[in-house]
């Protein structure tokens, strides 16, 4: 999984952001499951996925705030 930049997420539509957030949460769940049962090769993946989730949620919040203020 490659980490995306903020610009790439900003270019997505609202449904795409929602889908990506769901995918990222699933990846994080799978990684946690893998960590509990096996050894995870790259522990930095936890941080990267969490940061991507935060980026998606931030963009969604900004868009919602912009729509309500307008």
PDB file of N, CA and C in Angstrom:
ATOM      1  N   UNK A   1       0.840  -1.181   0.000  1.00  0.00           N
ATOM      2  CA  UNK A   1       0.000   0.000   0.000  1.00  0.00           C
ATOM      3  C   UNK A   1       0.881   1.240   0.000  1.00  0.00           C
ATOM      4  N   UNK A   2       0.686   2.081  -0.971  1.00  0.00           N
ATOM      5  CA  UNK A   2       1.460   3.307  -1.060  1.00  0.00           C
ATOM      6  C   UNK A   2       0.690   4.440  -0.386  1.00  0.00           C
ATOM      7  N   UNK A   3       1.404   5.236   0.371  1.00  0.00           N
ATOM      8  CA  UNK A   3       0.773   6.349   1.061  1.00  0.00           C
ATOM      9  C   UNK A   3       0.480   7.449   0.052  1.00  0.00           C
ATOM     10  N   UNK A   4      -0.708   8.017   0.140  1.00  0.00           N
ATOM     11  CA  UNK A   4      -1.105   9.077  -0.782  1.00  0.00           C
ATOM     12  C   UNK A   4      -0.847  10.435  -0.157  1.00  0.00           C
ATOM     13  N   UNK A   5      -0.698  11.413  -1.030  1.00  0.00           N
ATOM     14  CA  UNK A   5      -0.505  12.772  -0.549  1.00  0.00           C
ATOM     15  C   UNK A   5      -1.865  13.438  -0.343  1.00  0.00           C
ATOM     16  N   UNK A   6      -1.844  14.519   0.351  1.00  0.00           N
ATOM     17  CA  UNK A   6      -3.064  15.275   0.612  1.00  0.00           C
ATOM     18  C   UNK A   6      -3.714  15.729  -0.689  1.00  0.00           C
ATOM     19  N   UNK A   7      -2.916  16.137  -1.660  1.00  0.00           N
ATOM     20  CA  UNK A   7      -3.437  16.605  -2.951  1.00  0.00           C
ATOM     21  C   UNK A   7      -4.216  15.503  -3.665  1.00  0.00           C
ATOM     22  N   UNK A   8      -3.713  14.255  -3.577  1.00  0.00           N
ATOM     23  CA  UNK A   8      -4.405  13.151  -4.236  1.00  0.00           C
ATOM     24  C   UNK A   8      -5.772  12.913  -3.602  1.00  0.00           C
ATOM     25  N   UNK A   9      -5.843  13.015  -2.284  1.00  0.00           N
ATOM     26  CA  UNK A   9      -7.122  12.836  -1.607  1.00  0.00           C
ATOM     27  C   UNK A   9      -8.074  13.984  -1.906  1.00  0.00           C
ATOM     28  N   UNK A  10      -7.552  15.195  -2.018  1.00  0.00           N
ATOM     29  CA  UNK A  10      -8.400  16.349  -2.298  1.00  0.00           C
ATOM     30  C   UNK A  10      -9.029  16.251  -3.680  1.00  0.00           C
ATOM     31  N   UNK A  11      -8.391  15.535  -4.597  1.00  0.00           N
ATOM     32  CA  UNK A  11      -8.912  15.373  -5.936  1.00  0.00           C
ATOM     33  C   UNK A  11     -10.038  14.354  -6.034  1.00  0.00           C
ATOM     34  N   UNK A  12     -10.311  13.651  -4.949  1.00  0.00           N
ATOM     35  CA  UNK A  12     -11.353  12.624  -4.949  1.00  0.00           C
ATOM     36  C   UNK A  12     -12.716  13.231  -4.636  1.00  0.00           C
ATOM     37  N   UNK A  13     -13.755  12.589  -5.148  1.00  0.00           N
ATOM     38  CA  UNK A  13     -15.121  13.010  -4.836  1.00  0.00           C
ATOM     39  C   UNK A  13     -15.503  12.475  -3.452  1.00  0.00           C
ATOM     40  N   UNK A  14     -16.620  12.951  -2.925  1.00  0.00           N
ATOM     41  CA  UNK A  14     -17.072  12.509  -1.607  1.00  0.00           C
ATOM     42  C   UNK A  14     -17.307  10.999  -1.535  1.00  0.00           C
ATOM     43  N   UNK A  15     -17.974  10.394  -2.518  1.00  0.00           N
ATOM     44  CA  UNK A  15     -18.147   8.928  -2.457  1.00  0.00           C
ATOM     45  C   UNK A  15     -16.819   8.171  -2.535  1.00  0.00           C
ATOM     46  N   UNK A  16     -15.875   8.701  -3.317  1.00  0.00           N
ATOM     47  CA  UNK A  16     -14.566   8.063  -3.399  1.00  0.00           C
ATOM     48  C   UNK A  16     -13.838   8.150  -2.061  1.00  0.00           C
ATOM     49  N   UNK A  17     -13.955   9.290  -1.391  1.00  0.00           N
ATOM     50  CA  UNK A  17     -13.331   9.449  -0.075  1.00  0.00           C
ATOM     51  C   UNK A  17     -13.935   8.477   0.936  1.00  0.00           C
ATOM     52  N   UNK A  18     -15.238   8.337   0.889  1.00  0.00           N
ATOM     53  CA  UNK A  18     -15.920   7.415   1.800  1.00  0.00           C
ATOM     54  C   UNK A  18     -15.452   5.984   1.556  1.00  0.00           C
ATOM     55  N   UNK A  19     -15.344   5.614   0.287  1.00  0.00           N
ATOM     56  CA  UNK A  19     -14.885   4.269  -0.061  1.00  0.00           C
ATOM     57  C   UNK A  19     -13.440   4.067   0.388  1.00  0.00           C
ATOM     58  N   UNK A  20     -12.604   5.061   0.176  1.00  0.00           N
ATOM     59  CA  UNK A  20     -11.187   4.950   0.571  1.00  0.00           C
ATOM     60  C   UNK A  20     -11.051   4.841   2.082  1.00  0.00           C
ATOM     61  N   UNK A  21     -11.860   5.586   2.824  1.00  0.00           N
ATOM     62  CA  UNK A  21     -11.820   5.498   4.289  1.00  0.00           C
ATOM     63  C   UNK A  21     -12.181   4.083   4.745  1.00  0.00           C
ATOM     64  N   UNK A  22     -13.173   3.502   4.111  1.00  0.00           N
ATOM     65  CA  UNK A  22     -13.575   2.134   4.438  1.00  0.00           C
ATOM     66  C   UNK A  22     -12.454   1.154   4.117  1.00  0.00           C
ATOM     67  N   UNK A  23     -11.809   1.335   2.970  1.00  0.00           N
ATOM     68  CA  UNK A  23     -10.705   0.461   2.583  1.00  0.00           C
ATOM     69  C   UNK A  23      -9.539   0.578   3.566  1.00  0.00           C
ATOM     70  N   UNK A  24      -9.231   1.799   3.962  1.00  0.00           N
ATOM     71  CA  UNK A  24      -8.124   2.008   4.896  1.00  0.00           C
ATOM     72  C   UNK A  24      -8.415   1.397   6.264  1.00  0.00           C
ATOM     73  N   UNK A  25      -9.649   1.538   6.713  1.00  0.00           N
ATOM     74  CA  UNK A  25     -10.015   0.921   7.992  1.00  0.00           C
ATOM     75  C   UNK A  25      -9.898  -0.595   7.922  1.00  0.00           C
ATOM     76  N   UNK A  26     -10.277  -1.168   6.784  1.00  0.00           N
ATOM     77  CA  UNK A  26     -10.157  -2.614   6.584  1.00  0.00           C
ATOM     78  C   UNK A  26      -8.681  -3.027   6.592  1.00  0.00           C
ATOM     79  N   UNK A  27      -7.839  -2.256   5.918  1.00  0.00           N
ATOM     80  CA  UNK A  27      -6.401  -2.545   5.897  1.00  0.00           C
ATOM     81  C   UNK A  27      -5.822  -2.505   7.301  1.00  0.00           C
ATOM     82  N   UNK A  28      -6.232  -1.506   8.084  1.00  0.00           N
ATOM     83  CA  UNK A  28      -5.743  -1.392   9.450  1.00  0.00           C
ATOM     84  C   UNK A  28      -6.197  -2.584  10.287  1.00  0.00           C
ATOM     85  N   UNK A  29      -7.450  -2.995  10.128  1.00  0.00           N
ATOM     86  CA  UNK A  29      -7.964  -4.159  10.838  1.00  0.00           C
ATOM     87  C   UNK A  29      -7.180  -5.413  10.451  1.00  0.00           C
ATOM     88  N   UNK A  30      -6.961  -5.596   9.157  1.00  0.00           N
ATOM     89  CA  UNK A  30      -6.203  -6.763   8.688  1.00  0.00           C
ATOM     90  C   UNK A  30      -4.775  -6.755   9.225  1.00  0.00           C
ATOM     91  N   UNK A  31      -4.173  -5.590   9.268  1.00  0.00           N
ATOM     92  CA  UNK A  31      -2.809  -5.468   9.785  1.00  0.00           C
ATOM     93  C   UNK A  31      -2.763  -5.796  11.271  1.00  0.00           C
ATOM     94  N   UNK A  32      -3.756  -5.325  12.021  1.00  0.00           N
ATOM     95  CA  UNK A  32      -3.817  -5.651  13.451  1.00  0.00           C
ATOM     96  C   UNK A  32      -3.998  -7.149  13.664  1.00  0.00           C
ATOM     97  N   UNK A  33      -4.841  -7.756  12.848  1.00  0.00           N
ATOM     98  CA  UNK A  33      -5.055  -9.202  12.941  1.00  0.00           C
ATOM     99  C   UNK A  33      -3.764  -9.944  12.624  1.00  0.00           C
ATOM    100  N   UNK A  34      -3.081  -9.492  11.605  1.00  0.00           N
ATOM    101  CA  UNK A  34      -1.822 -10.111  11.225  1.00  0.00           C
ATOM    102  C   UNK A  34      -0.784  -9.953  12.336  1.00  0.00           C
ATOM    103  N   UNK A  35      -0.769  -8.811  12.983  1.00  0.00           N
ATOM    104  CA  UNK A  35       0.180  -8.570  14.062  1.00  0.00           C
ATOM    105  C   UNK A  35      -0.099  -9.478  15.261  1.00  0.00           C
ATOM    106  N   UNK A  36      -1.357  -9.804  15.482  1.00  0.00           N
ATOM    107  CA  UNK A  36      -1.719 -10.654  16.608  1.00  0.00           C
ATOM    108  C   UNK A  36      -1.390 -12.117  16.330  1.00  0.00           C
ATOM    109  N   UNK A  37      -1.407 -12.513  15.080  1.00  0.00           N
ATOM    110  CA  UNK A  37      -1.192 -13.918  14.748  1.00  0.00           C
ATOM    111  C   UNK A  37       0.202 -14.197  14.201  1.00  0.00           C
ATOM    112  N   UNK A  38       0.776 -13.273  13.481  1.00  0.00           N
ATOM    113  CA  UNK A  38       2.093 -13.434  12.860  1.00  0.00           C
ATOM    114  C   UNK A  38       2.961 -12.239  13.195  1.00  0.00           C
ATOM    115  N   UNK A  39       4.136 -12.253  12.650  1.00  0.00           N
ATOM    116  CA  UNK A  39       4.988 -11.077  12.767  1.00  0.00           C
ATOM    117  C   UNK A  39       4.743 -10.176  11.569  1.00  0.00           C
ATOM    118  N   UNK A  40       4.617  -8.913  11.830  1.00  0.00           N
ATOM    119  CA  UNK A  40       4.452  -7.921  10.769  1.00  0.00           C
ATOM    120  C   UNK A  40       5.846  -7.455  10.377  1.00  0.00           C
ATOM    121  N   UNK A  41       6.132  -7.475   9.082  1.00  0.00           N
ATOM    122  CA  UNK A  41       7.461  -7.097   8.609  1.00  0.00           C
ATOM    123  C   UNK A  41       7.732  -5.610   8.758  1.00  0.00           C
ATOM    124  N   UNK A  42       6.728  -4.814   8.471  1.00  0.00           N
ATOM    125  CA  UNK A  42       6.906  -3.361   8.463  1.00  0.00           C
ATOM    126  C   UNK A  42       5.932  -2.721   9.444  1.00  0.00           C
ATOM    127  N   UNK A  43       6.381  -2.462  10.650  1.00  0.00           N
ATOM    128  CA  UNK A  43       5.521  -1.885  11.680  1.00  0.00           C
ATOM    129  C   UNK A  43       5.118  -0.447  11.366  1.00  0.00           C
ATOM    130  N   UNK A  44       5.838   0.201  10.461  1.00  0.00           N
ATOM    131  CA  UNK A  44       5.502   1.582  10.114  1.00  0.00           C
ATOM    132  C   UNK A  44       4.190   1.666   9.333  1.00  0.00           C
ATOM    133  N   UNK A  45       3.707   0.536   8.830  1.00  0.00           N
ATOM    134  CA  UNK A  45       2.443   0.531   8.091  1.00  0.00           C
ATOM    135  C   UNK A  45       1.289   1.016   8.965  1.00  0.00           C
ATOM    136  N   UNK A  46       1.314   0.709  10.258  1.00  0.00           N
ATOM    137  CA  UNK A  46       0.263   1.167  11.168  1.00  0.00           C
ATOM    138  C   UNK A  46       0.152   2.692  11.114  1.00  0.00           C
ATOM    139  N   UNK A  47       1.278   3.338  11.260  1.00  0.00           N
ATOM    140  CA  UNK A  47       1.302   4.804  11.275  1.00  0.00           C
ATOM    141  C   UNK A  47       0.871   5.384   9.929  1.00  0.00           C
ATOM    142  N   UNK A  48       1.337   4.788   8.845  1.00  0.00           N
ATOM    143  CA  UNK A  48       1.004   5.293   7.511  1.00  0.00           C
ATOM    144  C   UNK A  48      -0.494   5.195   7.232  1.00  0.00           C
ATOM    145  N   UNK A  49      -1.081   4.064   7.599  1.00  0.00           N
ATOM    146  CA  UNK A  49      -2.515   3.886   7.361  1.00  0.00           C
ATOM    147  C   UNK A  49      -3.320   4.856   8.222  1.00  0.00           C
ATOM    148  N   UNK A  50      -2.930   5.014   9.481  1.00  0.00           N
ATOM    149  CA  UNK A  50      -3.635   5.941  10.366  1.00  0.00           C
ATOM    150  C   UNK A  50      -3.553   7.375   9.835  1.00  0.00           C
ATOM    151  N   UNK A  51      -2.407   7.749   9.298  1.00  0.00           N
ATOM    152  CA  UNK A  51      -2.257   9.099   8.745  1.00  0.00           C
ATOM    153  C   UNK A  51      -3.147   9.287   7.524  1.00  0.00           C
ATOM    154  N   UNK A  52      -3.237   8.265   6.679  1.00  0.00           N
ATOM    155  CA  UNK A  52      -4.114   8.365   5.513  1.00  0.00           C
ATOM    156  C   UNK A  52      -5.577   8.475   5.933  1.00  0.00           C
ATOM    157  N   UNK A  53      -5.974   7.720   6.952  1.00  0.00           N
ATOM    158  CA  UNK A  53      -7.346   7.820   7.463  1.00  0.00           C
ATOM    159  C   UNK A  53      -7.610   9.233   7.960  1.00  0.00           C
ATOM    160  N   UNK A  54      -6.658   9.788   8.691  1.00  0.00           N
ATOM    161  CA  UNK A  54      -6.812  11.151   9.206  1.00  0.00           C
ATOM    162  C   UNK A  54      -6.924  12.164   8.068  1.00  0.00           C
ATOM    163  N   UNK A  55      -6.152  11.970   7.011  1.00  0.00           N
ATOM    164  CA  UNK A  55      -6.229  12.880   5.861  1.00  0.00           C
ATOM    165  C   UNK A  55      -7.629  12.853   5.236  1.00  0.00           C
ATOM    166  N   UNK A  56      -8.147  11.645   5.043  1.00  0.00           N
ATOM    167  CA  UNK A  56      -9.475  11.500   4.446  1.00  0.00           C
ATOM    168  C   UNK A  56     -10.526  12.161   5.333  1.00  0.00           C
ATOM    169  N   UNK A  57     -10.475  11.895   6.636  1.00  0.00           N
ATOM    170  CA  UNK A  57     -11.460  12.472   7.549  1.00  0.00           C
ATOM    171  C   UNK A  57     -11.350  13.987   7.617  1.00  0.00           C
ATOM    172  N   UNK A  58     -10.140  14.512   7.546  1.00  0.00           N
ATOM    173  CA  UNK A  58      -9.939  15.960   7.561  1.00  0.00           C
ATOM    174  C   UNK A  58     -10.561  16.603   6.333  1.00  0.00           C
ATOM    175  N   UNK A  59     -10.338  16.021   5.170  1.00  0.00           N
ATOM    176  CA  UNK A  59     -10.903  16.568   3.938  1.00  0.00           C
ATOM    177  C   UNK A  59     -12.420  16.523   3.992  1.00  0.00           C
ATOM    178  N   UNK A  60     -12.984  15.417   4.469  1.00  0.00           N
ATOM    179  CA  UNK A  60     -14.438  15.306   4.584  1.00  0.00           C
ATOM    180  C   UNK A  60     -14.983  16.370   5.531  1.00  0.00           C
ATOM    181  N   UNK A  61     -14.310  16.606   6.648  1.00  0.00           N
ATOM    182  CA  UNK A  61     -14.752  17.617   7.610  1.00  0.00           C
ATOM    183  C   UNK A  61     -14.672  19.019   7.017  1.00  0.00           C
ATOM    184  N   UNK A  62     -13.576  19.286   6.305  1.00  0.00           N
ATOM    185  CA  UNK A  62     -13.420  20.600   5.689  1.00  0.00           C
ATOM    186  C   UNK A  62     -14.515  20.858   4.661  1.00  0.00           C
ATOM    187  N   UNK A  63     -14.812  19.846   3.875  1.00  0.00           N
ATOM    188  CA  UNK A  63     -15.868  20.004   2.866  1.00  0.00           C
ATOM    189  C   UNK A  63     -17.227  20.203   3.528  1.00  0.00           C
ATOM    190  N   UNK A  64     -17.507  19.477   4.585  1.00  0.00           N
ATOM    191  CA  UNK A  64     -18.784  19.623   5.288  1.00  0.00           C
ATOM    192  C   UNK A  64     -18.887  21.007   5.906  1.00  0.00           C
ATOM    193  N   UNK A  65     -17.806  21.510   6.480  1.00  0.00           N
ATOM    194  CA  UNK A  65     -17.816  22.847   7.080  1.00  0.00           C
ATOM    195  C   UNK A  65     -17.988  23.911   5.998  1.00  0.00           C
ATOM    196  N   UNK A  66     -17.367  23.713   4.858  1.00  0.00           N
ATOM    197  CA  UNK A  66     -17.492  24.670   3.764  1.00  0.00           C
ATOM    198  C   UNK A  66     -18.903  24.709   3.202  1.00  0.00           C
ATOM    199  N   UNK A  67     -19.571  23.586   3.157  1.00  0.00           N
ATOM    200  CA  UNK A  67     -20.935  23.525   2.632  1.00  0.00           C
ATOM    201  C   UNK A  67     -21.920  24.184   3.591  1.00  0.00           C
ATOM    202  N   UNK A  68     -21.699  24.039   4.889  1.00  0.00           N
ATOM    203  CA  UNK A  68     -22.634  24.613   5.853  1.00  0.00           C
ATOM    204  C   UNK A  68     -22.421  26.119   5.982  1.00  0.00           C
ATOM    205  N   UNK A  69     -21.228  26.610   5.740  1.00  0.00           N
ATOM    206  CA  UNK A  69     -20.962  28.040   5.857  1.00  0.00           C
ATOM    207  C   UNK A  69     -21.459  28.802   4.641  1.00  0.00           C
ATOM    208  N   UNK A  70     -21.524  28.159   3.519  1.00  0.00           N
ATOM    209  CA  UNK A  70     -21.911  28.835   2.274  1.00  0.00           C
ATOM    210  C   UNK A  70     -23.371  29.170   2.202  1.00  0.00           C
TER     211      UNK A  70
END
